[in-house]
PDB file of N, CA and C in Angstrom:
ATOM      1  N   MET A   1     107.777  46.630  86.780  1.00  0.00           N
ATOM      2  CA  MET A   1     107.073  45.406  86.478  1.00  0.00           C
ATOM      3  C   MET A   1     106.317  45.567  85.148  1.00  0.00           C
ATOM      4  N   ALA A   2     106.434  44.601  84.284  1.00  0.00           N
ATOM      5  CA  ALA A   2     105.788  44.654  82.970  1.00  0.00           C
ATOM      6  C   ALA A   2     104.281  44.481  83.104  1.00  0.00           C
ATOM      7  N   ARG A   3     103.571  45.286  82.339  1.00  0.00           N
ATOM      8  CA  ARG A   3     102.111  45.218  82.349  1.00  0.00           C
ATOM      9  C   ARG A   3     101.644  44.155  81.374  1.00  0.00           C
ATOM     10  N   ARG A   4     100.707  43.337  81.800  1.00  0.00           N
ATOM     11  CA  ARG A   4     100.163  42.284  80.934  1.00  0.00           C
ATOM     12  C   ARG A   4      99.133  42.892  79.997  1.00  0.00           C
ATOM     13  N   THR A   5      99.185  42.509  78.738  1.00  0.00           N
ATOM     14  CA  THR A   5      98.221  42.981  77.756  1.00  0.00           C
ATOM     15  C   THR A   5      96.954  42.146  77.861  1.00  0.00           C
ATOM     16  N   ARG A   6      95.824  42.818  77.895  1.00  0.00           N
ATOM     17  CA  ARG A   6      94.542  42.131  77.940  1.00  0.00           C
ATOM     18  C   ARG A   6      94.023  41.973  76.511  1.00  0.00           C
ATOM     19  N   PHE A   7      93.364  40.855  76.253  1.00  0.00           N
ATOM     20  CA  PHE A   7      92.826  40.624  74.923  1.00  0.00           C
ATOM     21  C   PHE A   7      91.797  41.688  74.549  1.00  0.00           C
ATOM     22  N   SER A   8      91.082  42.224  75.536  1.00  0.00           N
ATOM     23  CA  SER A   8      90.090  43.263  75.254  1.00  0.00           C
ATOM     24  C   SER A   8      90.738  44.543  74.748  1.00  0.00           C
ATOM     25  N   GLU A   9      92.044  44.705  74.961  1.00  0.00           N
ATOM     26  CA  GLU A   9      92.758  45.893  74.518  1.00  0.00           C
ATOM     27  C   GLU A   9      93.343  45.725  73.122  1.00  0.00           C
ATOM     28  N   ILE A  10      93.272  44.539  72.582  1.00  0.00           N
ATOM     29  CA  ILE A  10      93.831  44.244  71.262  1.00  0.00           C
ATOM     30  C   ILE A  10      92.705  44.283  70.237  1.00  0.00           C
ATOM     31  N   ALA A  11      92.982  44.884  69.096  1.00  0.00           N
ATOM     32  CA  ALA A  11      91.971  44.955  68.036  1.00  0.00           C
ATOM     33  C   ALA A  11      91.548  43.549  67.617  1.00  0.00           C
ATOM     34  N   ALA A  12      90.291  43.439  67.242  1.00  0.00           N
ATOM     35  CA  ALA A  12      89.771  42.147  66.785  1.00  0.00           C
ATOM     36  C   ALA A  12      90.543  41.686  65.555  1.00  0.00           C
ATOM     37  N   PRO A  13      90.748  40.387  65.406  1.00  0.00           N
ATOM     38  CA  PRO A  13      91.480  39.897  64.235  1.00  0.00           C
ATOM     39  C   PRO A  13      90.675  40.162  62.969  1.00  0.00           C
ATOM     40  N   ARG A  14      91.379  40.367  61.872  1.00  0.00           N
ATOM     41  CA  ARG A  14      90.700  40.615  60.607  1.00  0.00           C
ATOM     42  C   ARG A  14      90.064  39.351  60.051  1.00  0.00           C
ATOM     43  N   LEU A  15      90.733  38.218  60.208  1.00  0.00           N
ATOM     44  CA  LEU A  15      90.207  36.954  59.695  1.00  0.00           C
ATOM     45  C   LEU A  15      89.502  36.202  60.814  1.00  0.00           C
ATOM     46  N   LEU A  16      88.282  35.767  60.533  1.00  0.00           N
ATOM     47  CA  LEU A  16      87.457  35.127  61.548  1.00  0.00           C
ATOM     48  C   LEU A  16      87.084  33.711  61.146  1.00  0.00           C
ATOM     49  N   ASN A  17      87.143  32.782  62.115  1.00  0.00           N
ATOM     50  CA  ASN A  17      86.651  31.435  61.847  1.00  0.00           C
ATOM     51  C   ASN A  17      85.125  31.456  61.968  1.00  0.00           C
ATOM     52  N   GLU A  18      84.485  30.319  61.806  1.00  0.00           N
ATOM     53  CA  GLU A  18      83.021  30.287  61.803  1.00  0.00           C
ATOM     54  C   GLU A  18      82.430  30.699  63.150  1.00  0.00           C
ATOM     55  N   GLU A  19      83.019  30.241  64.236  1.00  0.00           N
ATOM     56  CA  GLU A  19      82.516  30.595  65.562  1.00  0.00           C
ATOM     57  C   GLU A  19      82.669  32.090  65.819  1.00  0.00           C
ATOM     58  N   GLU A  20      83.819  32.640  65.446  1.00  0.00           N
ATOM     59  CA  GLU A  20      84.056  34.079  65.621  1.00  0.00           C
ATOM     60  C   GLU A  20      83.120  34.897  64.741  1.00  0.00           C
ATOM     61  N   THR A  21      82.866  34.423  63.523  1.00  0.00           N
ATOM     62  CA  THR A  21      81.944  35.116  62.620  1.00  0.00           C
ATOM     63  C   THR A  21      80.542  35.128  63.213  1.00  0.00           C
ATOM     64  N   ALA A  22      80.111  33.989  63.722  1.00  0.00           N
ATOM     65  CA  ALA A  22      78.790  33.907  64.351  1.00  0.00           C
ATOM     66  C   ALA A  22      78.705  34.901  65.509  1.00  0.00           C
ATOM     67  N   HIS A  23      79.718  34.921  66.358  1.00  0.00           N
ATOM     68  CA  HIS A  23      79.749  35.838  67.497  1.00  0.00           C
ATOM     69  C   HIS A  23      79.728  37.285  67.014  1.00  0.00           C
ATOM     70  N   TYR A  24      80.500  37.594  65.979  1.00  0.00           N
ATOM     71  CA  TYR A  24      80.584  38.943  65.420  1.00  0.00           C
ATOM     72  C   TYR A  24      79.216  39.411  64.930  1.00  0.00           C
ATOM     73  N   LEU A  25      78.425  38.476  64.404  1.00  0.00           N
ATOM     74  CA  LEU A  25      77.091  38.799  63.909  1.00  0.00           C
ATOM     75  C   LEU A  25      76.019  38.704  64.996  1.00  0.00           C
ATOM     76  N   GLY A  26      76.429  38.325  66.200  1.00  0.00           N
ATOM     77  CA  GLY A  26      75.480  38.218  67.301  1.00  0.00           C
ATOM     78  C   GLY A  26      74.587  36.995  67.201  1.00  0.00           C
ATOM     79  N   MET A  27      75.115  35.931  66.608  1.00  0.00           N
ATOM     80  CA  MET A  27      74.349  34.700  66.417  1.00  0.00           C
ATOM     81  C   MET A  27      75.028  33.555  67.151  1.00  0.00           C
ATOM     82  N   SER A  28      74.257  32.528  67.446  1.00  0.00           N
ATOM     83  CA  SER A  28      74.871  31.319  67.989  1.00  0.00           C
ATOM     84  C   SER A  28      75.568  30.593  66.847  1.00  0.00           C
ATOM     85  N   ARG A  29      76.504  29.743  67.176  1.00  0.00           N
ATOM     86  CA  ARG A  29      77.221  28.972  66.159  1.00  0.00           C
ATOM     87  C   ARG A  29      76.246  28.088  65.385  1.00  0.00           C
ATOM     88  N   THR A  30      75.291  27.503  66.075  1.00  0.00           N
ATOM     89  CA  THR A  30      74.305  26.628  65.437  1.00  0.00           C
ATOM     90  C   THR A  30      73.419  27.409  64.483  1.00  0.00           C
ATOM     91  N   ASP A  31      72.917  28.550  64.931  1.00  0.00           N
ATOM     92  CA  ASP A  31      72.052  29.376  64.090  1.00  0.00           C
ATOM     93  C   ASP A  31      72.813  29.851  62.853  1.00  0.00           C
ATOM     94  N   PHE A  32      74.053  30.285  63.044  1.00  0.00           N
ATOM     95  CA  PHE A  32      74.881  30.713  61.919  1.00  0.00           C
ATOM     96  C   PHE A  32      75.087  29.553  60.950  1.00  0.00           C
ATOM     97  N   GLY A  33      75.395  28.385  61.474  1.00  0.00           N
ATOM     98  CA  GLY A  33      75.598  27.207  60.632  1.00  0.00           C
ATOM     99  C   GLY A  33      74.352  26.848  59.824  1.00  0.00           C
ATOM    100  N   ASN A  34      73.181  27.051  60.415  1.00  0.00           N
ATOM    101  CA  ASN A  34      71.935  26.760  59.709  1.00  0.00           C
ATOM    102  C   ASN A  34      71.606  27.793  58.638  1.00  0.00           C
ATOM    103  N   ARG A  35      72.085  29.016  58.803  1.00  0.00           N
ATOM    104  CA  ARG A  35      71.724  30.096  57.887  1.00  0.00           C
ATOM    105  C   ARG A  35      72.785  30.442  56.848  1.00  0.00           C
ATOM    106  N   ILE A  36      74.017  30.015  57.041  1.00  0.00           N
ATOM    107  CA  ILE A  36      75.111  30.494  56.197  1.00  0.00           C
ATOM    108  C   ILE A  36      74.925  30.153  54.720  1.00  0.00           C
ATOM    109  N   SER A  37      74.396  29.003  54.413  1.00  0.00           N
ATOM    110  CA  SER A  37      74.206  28.627  53.013  1.00  0.00           C
ATOM    111  C   SER A  37      73.300  29.624  52.299  1.00  0.00           C
ATOM    112  N   ASP A  38      72.176  29.963  52.913  1.00  0.00           N
ATOM    113  CA  ASP A  38      71.266  30.945  52.324  1.00  0.00           C
ATOM    114  C   ASP A  38      71.886  32.335  52.292  1.00  0.00           C
ATOM    115  N   LEU A  39      72.613  32.691  53.346  1.00  0.00           N
ATOM    116  CA  LEU A  39      73.269  33.999  53.364  1.00  0.00           C
ATOM    117  C   LEU A  39      74.236  34.141  52.195  1.00  0.00           C
ATOM    118  N   GLU A  40      75.013  33.098  51.937  1.00  0.00           N
ATOM    119  CA  GLU A  40      75.988  33.146  50.835  1.00  0.00           C
ATOM    120  C   GLU A  40      75.297  33.135  49.472  1.00  0.00           C
ATOM    121  N   LYS A  41      74.307  32.271  49.297  1.00  0.00           N
ATOM    122  CA  LYS A  41      73.664  32.117  47.985  1.00  0.00           C
ATOM    123  C   LYS A  41      72.698  33.244  47.662  1.00  0.00           C
ATOM    124  N   LEU A  42      71.879  33.622  48.617  1.00  0.00           N
ATOM    125  CA  LEU A  42      70.812  34.582  48.349  1.00  0.00           C
ATOM    126  C   LEU A  42      71.180  36.029  48.669  1.00  0.00           C
ATOM    127  N   HIS A  43      72.111  36.203  49.609  1.00  0.00           N
ATOM    128  CA  HIS A  43      72.432  37.554  50.056  1.00  0.00           C
ATOM    129  C   HIS A  43      73.898  37.939  49.828  1.00  0.00           C
ATOM    130  N   TYR A  44      74.637  37.067  49.160  1.00  0.00           N
ATOM    131  CA  TYR A  44      76.044  37.336  48.791  1.00  0.00           C
ATOM    132  C   TYR A  44      76.936  37.646  49.987  1.00  0.00           C
ATOM    133  N   PHE A  45      76.682  36.944  51.101  1.00  0.00           N
ATOM    134  CA  PHE A  45      77.541  37.078  52.275  1.00  0.00           C
ATOM    135  C   PHE A  45      78.942  36.615  51.910  1.00  0.00           C
ATOM    136  N   PRO A  46      79.992  37.304  52.396  1.00  0.00           N
ATOM    137  CA  PRO A  46      81.367  36.927  52.054  1.00  0.00           C
ATOM    138  C   PRO A  46      81.689  35.477  52.403  1.00  0.00           C
ATOM    139  N   ARG A  47      82.265  34.791  51.454  1.00  0.00           N
ATOM    140  CA  ARG A  47      82.622  33.381  51.643  1.00  0.00           C
ATOM    141  C   ARG A  47      83.972  33.262  52.340  1.00  0.00           C
ATOM    142  N   ARG A  48      84.235  32.057  52.857  1.00  0.00           N
ATOM    143  CA  ARG A  48      85.535  31.775  53.478  1.00  0.00           C
ATOM    144  C   ARG A  48      86.611  31.720  52.403  1.00  0.00           C
ATOM    145  N   HIS A  49      87.804  32.154  52.779  1.00  0.00           N
ATOM    146  CA  HIS A  49      88.967  32.034  51.894  1.00  0.00           C
ATOM    147  C   HIS A  49      89.274  30.550  51.737  1.00  0.00           C
ATOM    148  N   THR A  50      89.537  30.122  50.511  1.00  0.00           N
ATOM    149  CA  THR A  50      89.705  28.689  50.261  1.00  0.00           C
ATOM    150  C   THR A  50      90.925  28.092  50.960  1.00  0.00           C
ATOM    151  N   LEU A  51      92.014  28.826  51.095  1.00  0.00           N
ATOM    152  CA  LEU A  51      93.206  28.289  51.751  1.00  0.00           C
ATOM    153  C   LEU A  51      93.235  28.584  53.252  1.00  0.00           C
ATOM    154  N   LEU A  52      92.825  29.780  53.614  1.00  0.00           N
ATOM    155  CA  LEU A  52      92.873  30.172  55.026  1.00  0.00           C
ATOM    156  C   LEU A  52      91.673  29.670  55.821  1.00  0.00           C
ATOM    157  N   ASN A  53      90.598  29.355  55.125  1.00  0.00           N
ATOM    158  CA  ASN A  53      89.382  28.818  55.735  1.00  0.00           C
ATOM    159  C   ASN A  53      88.782  29.778  56.774  1.00  0.00           C
ATOM    160  N   LYS A  54      88.941  31.076  56.509  1.00  0.00           N
ATOM    161  CA  LYS A  54      88.404  32.101  57.406  1.00  0.00           C
ATOM    162  C   LYS A  54      87.744  33.189  56.571  1.00  0.00           C
ATOM    163  N   ARG A  55      86.898  33.992  57.235  1.00  0.00           N
ATOM    164  CA  ARG A  55      86.197  35.089  56.576  1.00  0.00           C
ATOM    165  C   ARG A  55      86.849  36.416  56.951  1.00  0.00           C
ATOM    166  N   ASP A  56      86.826  37.349  56.030  1.00  0.00           N
ATOM    167  CA  ASP A  56      87.421  38.663  56.229  1.00  0.00           C
ATOM    168  C   ASP A  56      86.423  39.569  56.947  1.00  0.00           C
ATOM    169  N   ARG A  57      86.811  40.067  58.115  1.00  0.00           N
ATOM    170  CA  ARG A  57      85.936  40.928  58.911  1.00  0.00           C
ATOM    171  C   ARG A  57      85.587  42.207  58.161  1.00  0.00           C
ATOM    172  N   ARG A  58      86.524  42.771  57.406  1.00  0.00           N
ATOM    173  CA  ARG A  58      86.231  43.993  56.644  1.00  0.00           C
ATOM    174  C   ARG A  58      85.211  43.730  55.547  1.00  0.00           C
ATOM    175  N   ALA A  59      85.298  42.561  54.919  1.00  0.00           N
ATOM    176  CA  ALA A  59      84.306  42.200  53.897  1.00  0.00           C
ATOM    177  C   ALA A  59      82.932  42.034  54.539  1.00  0.00           C
ATOM    178  N   ILE A  60      82.905  41.484  55.739  1.00  0.00           N
ATOM    179  CA  ILE A  60      81.638  41.332  56.457  1.00  0.00           C
ATOM    180  C   ILE A  60      81.069  42.706  56.796  1.00  0.00           C
ATOM    181  N   ASP A  61      81.930  43.626  57.255  1.00  0.00           N
ATOM    182  CA  ASP A  61      81.477  44.981  57.557  1.00  0.00           C
ATOM    183  C   ASP A  61      80.922  45.668  56.312  1.00  0.00           C
ATOM    184  N   ALA A  62      81.605  45.515  55.176  1.00  0.00           N
ATOM    185  CA  ALA A  62      81.128  46.111  53.921  1.00  0.00           C
ATOM    186  C   ALA A  62      79.788  45.505  53.515  1.00  0.00           C
ATOM    187  N   TRP A  63      79.652  44.182  53.706  1.00  0.00           N
ATOM    188  CA  TRP A  63      78.392  43.510  53.393  1.00  0.00           C
ATOM    189  C   TRP A  63      77.274  44.056  54.283  1.00  0.00           C
ATOM    190  N   LEU A  64      77.540  44.188  55.585  1.00  0.00           N
ATOM    191  CA  LEU A  64      76.538  44.722  56.507  1.00  0.00           C
ATOM    192  C   LEU A  64      76.139  46.143  56.111  1.00  0.00           C
ATOM    193  N   ASP A  65      77.132  46.964  55.769  1.00  0.00           N
ATOM    194  CA  ASP A  65      76.845  48.331  55.335  1.00  0.00           C
ATOM    195  C   ASP A  65      75.917  48.342  54.125  1.00  0.00           C
ATOM    196  N   SER A  66      76.197  47.483  53.155  1.00  0.00           N
ATOM    197  CA  SER A  66      75.359  47.454  51.946  1.00  0.00           C
ATOM    198  C   SER A  66      73.965  46.910  52.250  1.00  0.00           C
ATOM    199  N   GLU A  67      73.870  45.948  53.139  1.00  0.00           N
ATOM    200  CA  GLU A  67      72.570  45.390  53.511  1.00  0.00           C
ATOM    201  C   GLU A  67      71.678  46.423  54.202  1.00  0.00           C
ATOM    202  N   PHE A  68      72.299  47.324  54.938  1.00  0.00           N
ATOM    203  CA  PHE A  68      71.534  48.323  55.682  1.00  0.00           C
ATOM    204  C   PHE A  68      71.552  49.701  55.027  1.00  0.00           C
ATOM    205  N   GLY A  69      72.028  49.777  53.778  1.00  0.00           N
ATOM    206  CA  GLY A  69      72.000  51.028  53.031  1.00  0.00           C
ATOM    207  C   GLY A  69      72.981  52.073  53.516  1.00  0.00           C
ATOM    208  N   ILE A  70      74.045  51.621  54.138  1.00  0.00           N
ATOM    209  CA  ILE A  70      75.071  52.539  54.622  1.00  0.00           C
ATOM    210  C   ILE A  70      76.215  52.536  53.624  1.00  0.00           C
ATOM    211  N   SER A  71      76.652  53.716  53.243  1.00  0.00           N
ATOM    212  CA  SER A  71      77.795  53.783  52.342  1.00  0.00           C
ATOM    213  C   SER A  71      78.715  54.911  52.785  1.00  0.00           C
ATOM    214  N   GLU A  72      79.948  54.859  52.332  1.00  0.00           N
ATOM    215  CA  GLU A  72      80.908  55.908  52.662  1.00  0.00           C
ATOM    216  C   GLU A  72      80.430  57.238  52.086  1.00  0.00           C
ATOM    217  N   LYS A  73      79.822  57.181  50.902  1.00  0.00           N
ATOM    218  CA  LYS A  73      79.311  58.390  50.263  1.00  0.00           C
ATOM    219  C   LYS A  73      78.236  59.031  51.146  1.00  0.00           C
ATOM    220  N   ASN A  74      77.319  58.234  51.677  1.00  0.00           N
ATOM    221  CA  ASN A  74      76.278  58.750  52.566  1.00  0.00           C
ATOM    222  C   ASN A  74      76.881  59.344  53.830  1.00  0.00           C
ATOM    223  N   ALA A  75      77.893  58.690  54.377  1.00  0.00           N
ATOM    224  CA  ALA A  75      78.535  59.178  55.593  1.00  0.00           C
ATOM    225  C   ALA A  75      79.215  60.522  55.333  1.00  0.00           C
ATOM    226  N   MET A  76      79.856  60.669  54.168  1.00  0.00           N
ATOM    227  CA  MET A  76      80.513  61.931  53.821  1.00  0.00           C
ATOM    228  C   MET A  76      79.475  63.046  53.649  1.00  0.00           C
ATOM    229  N   LEU A  77      78.361  62.723  53.005  1.00  0.00           N
ATOM    230  CA  LEU A  77      77.293  63.705  52.813  1.00  0.00           C
ATOM    231  C   LEU A  77      76.720  64.128  54.162  1.00  0.00           C
ATOM    232  N   ASP A  78      76.489  63.183  55.053  1.00  0.00           N
ATOM    233  CA  ASP A  78      75.997  63.502  56.398  1.00  0.00           C
ATOM    234  C   ASP A  78      76.961  64.433  57.126  1.00  0.00           C
ATOM    235  N   ALA A  79      78.249  64.164  57.008  1.00  0.00           N
ATOM    236  CA  ALA A  79      79.255  64.994  57.667  1.00  0.00           C
ATOM    237  C   ALA A  79      79.237  66.414  57.099  1.00  0.00           C
ATOM    238  N   GLN A  80      79.081  66.546  55.773  1.00  0.00           N
ATOM    239  CA  GLN A  80      79.030  67.872  55.148  1.00  0.00           C
ATOM    240  C   GLN A  80      77.788  68.638  55.609  1.00  0.00           C
ATOM    241  N   ILE A  81      76.665  67.964  55.655  1.00  0.00           N
ATOM    242  CA  ILE A  81      75.426  68.612  56.098  1.00  0.00           C
ATOM    243  C   ILE A  81      75.550  69.057  57.545  1.00  0.00           C
ATOM    244  N   ASN A  82      76.086  68.168  58.392  1.00  0.00           N
ATOM    245  CA  ASN A  82      76.258  68.530  59.804  1.00  0.00           C
ATOM    246  C   ASN A  82      77.220  69.692  59.975  1.00  0.00           C
ATOM    247  N   ALA A  83      78.278  69.752  59.162  1.00  0.00           N
ATOM    248  CA  ALA A  83      79.225  70.853  59.234  1.00  0.00           C
ATOM    249  C   ALA A  83      78.565  72.163  58.838  1.00  0.00           C
ATOM    250  N   ARG A  84      77.734  72.136  57.796  1.00  0.00           N
ATOM    251  CA  ARG A  84      77.043  73.346  57.357  1.00  0.00           C
ATOM    252  C   ARG A  84      76.036  73.817  58.405  1.00  0.00           C
ATOM    253  N   ILE A  85      75.310  72.885  58.985  1.00  0.00           N
ATOM    254  CA  ILE A  85      74.347  73.235  60.034  1.00  0.00           C
ATOM    255  C   ILE A  85      75.078  73.824  61.239  1.00  0.00           C
ATOM    256  N   GLY A  86      76.206  73.210  61.578  1.00  0.00           N
ATOM    257  CA  GLY A  86      77.004  73.725  62.687  1.00  0.00           C
ATOM    258  C   GLY A  86      77.528  75.117  62.416  1.00  0.00           C
ATOM    259  N   ALA A  87      77.953  75.373  61.167  1.00  0.00           N
ATOM    260  CA  ALA A  87      78.459  76.693  60.799  1.00  0.00           C
ATOM    261  C   ALA A  87      77.342  77.739  60.851  1.00  0.00           C
ATOM    262  N   MET A  88      76.134  77.365  60.507  1.00  0.00           N
ATOM    263  CA  MET A  88      74.996  78.287  60.535  1.00  0.00           C
ATOM    264  C   MET A  88      74.705  78.725  61.955  1.00  0.00           C
ATOM    265  N   GLY A  89      74.905  77.837  62.911  1.00  0.00           N
ATOM    266  CA  GLY A  89      74.636  78.162  64.303  1.00  0.00           C
ATOM    267  C   GLY A  89      75.624  79.135  64.897  1.00  0.00           C
ATOM    268  N   HIS A  90      76.811  79.257  64.277  1.00  0.00           N
ATOM    269  CA  HIS A  90      77.850  80.149  64.791  1.00  0.00           C
ATOM    270  C   HIS A  90      77.926  81.456  64.019  1.00  0.00           C
ATOM    271  N   GLY A  91      77.005  81.671  63.098  1.00  0.00           N
ATOM    272  CA  GLY A  91      77.090  82.839  62.219  1.00  0.00           C
ATOM    273  C   GLY A  91      76.263  83.980  62.605  1.00  0.00           C
TER     274      GLY A  91
END
């Protein structure tokens, strides 16, 4: 018997409509709708694609990372420091 695929087992779509974007950010659709203009103008939140009319989830993730001071460079440095500390414990 074929197993049914559950939506929870499928990766989130890369392109998000406004409701999905609001949910992704943990906001209500109304709250997101009230704030999006300021987010785009003042905080450079990723805009919707003009033809697809959706937002790129990866661009949103990159925006969130920059807003909270997270970068790939910082993550790599943290990993190197943790590796060195771990190596010191085994020496």
